[in-house]
Amino acid sequence: MVTITLDQIIDLAHQLPRAQRAELIARLARDLALEPTHTQAAASADVPAMTVSQAHTTLAELRAGYSTLPRPRLTLGEQLEQDRAERQASIEGQPYVHA
C-alpha cells in the first residue's frame, strides 16, 4: 500500500485550478462538519435516553431552580421605555433623571 503524505496532497492541491481548490476545501469542510468527533460520540454514548416522565420531571426541576433566581429589576418593556427616555434626554442635551 502506498503511503501518501500531507505535503504530497498539498502539492497536488496547488496544481488544481482555483475553482477546484475551493471545491476541495468545501467538500473537506462539509465532511468534517458531518463527521462526529470523538468527544461527541463519547458524550452521546454516556447519556441514556429519557422517558417522557423523566423529561417532565427534569423540566419541573429546572423551572423550580430558575424560579429561585433573582428577578431582573425591570421587565423588557420597562427597560425599553427607560432606554428611550435616556436617549431622548441625551439628544435634547438634558440630564436624564431616573424615575
Foldseek 3Di string as FASTA:
>chain_A
DDDDDPVNVVVVLVVDPPVVNVVVVVVVVVVVVPDDDPVRVVVVVPDDDDDPVRVVVVVVVVVVVVVPDDDDPDDPVVVVVLVVQCVVCVVVVHHDDDD
